[in-house]
């Protein structure tokens, strides 16, 4: 991963647009994203992001 002393670019995008935007990364070969880094830091496959969208 990234050493603790290295900077990490972060994006903040409002929901639910953020989920659609992140799911579109699959077109470019991305398979997953890290959610709420550095606090939660959970990795999620892109296909699971659809379950986070409000009904």
Protein backbone atom coordinates (compact mmCIF):
# COMPACT_ATOMS: atom_id res chain seq x y z
CA UNK A 1 0.00 0.00 0.00
CA UNK A 2 1.09 3.59 0.53
CA UNK A 3 3.70 4.45 3.19
CA UNK A 4 2.31 6.54 6.06
CA UNK A 5 4.51 9.53 5.21
CA UNK A 6 3.36 9.73 1.56
CA UNK A 7 0.50 12.06 0.51
CA UNK A 8 -2.67 10.43 -0.86
CA UNK A 9 -5.08 12.26 -3.21
CA UNK A 10 -8.67 12.11 -1.97
CA UNK A 11 -11.97 13.04 -3.62
CA UNK A 12 -15.18 14.17 -1.99
CA UNK A 13 -18.30 13.72 -4.15
CA UNK A 14 -21.87 14.11 -2.82
CA UNK A 15 -24.15 11.06 -2.66
CA UNK A 16 -25.90 9.47 -4.57
CA UNK A 17 -23.93 10.90 -7.52
CA UNK A 18 -20.72 9.59 -5.96
CA UNK A 19 -21.92 6.01 -6.22
CA UNK A 20 -22.81 6.34 -9.90
CA UNK A 21 -19.47 8.03 -10.56
CA UNK A 22 -17.48 5.35 -8.70
CA UNK A 23 -19.39 2.51 -10.40
CA UNK A 24 -18.48 4.01 -13.79
CA UNK A 25 -14.79 3.31 -13.06
CA UNK A 26 -15.44 -0.30 -14.12
CA UNK A 27 -15.30 0.91 -17.74
CA UNK A 28 -11.60 1.58 -17.18
CA UNK A 29 -10.68 -1.68 -15.48
CA UNK A 30 -11.16 -0.59 -11.85
CA UNK A 31 -12.60 -3.44 -9.79
CA UNK A 32 -13.13 -1.79 -6.40
CA UNK A 33 -12.75 1.28 -4.21
CA UNK A 34 -11.76 2.07 -0.65
CA UNK A 35 -14.61 3.62 1.34
CA UNK A 36 -14.08 6.41 3.90
CA UNK A 37 -10.28 6.40 3.90
CA UNK A 38 -8.53 6.82 6.38
CA UNK A 39 -11.27 6.30 8.97
CA UNK A 40 -13.13 3.20 7.81
CA UNK A 41 -10.78 2.21 5.01
CA UNK A 42 -12.91 -0.72 3.80
CA UNK A 43 -12.34 -2.01 0.27
CA UNK A 44 -15.50 -2.74 -1.71
CA UNK A 45 -15.93 -4.34 -5.13
CA UNK A 46 -17.66 -1.94 -7.53
CA UNK A 47 -20.59 -4.34 -7.95
CA UNK A 48 -21.41 -3.96 -4.23
CA UNK A 49 -21.74 -0.17 -4.41
CA UNK A 50 -25.21 -0.47 -5.95
CA UNK A 51 -26.45 -1.73 -2.55
CA UNK A 52 -25.47 1.57 -0.93
CA UNK A 53 -27.82 3.62 -3.11
CA UNK A 54 -31.04 4.81 -1.47
CA UNK A 55 -34.16 2.95 -2.58
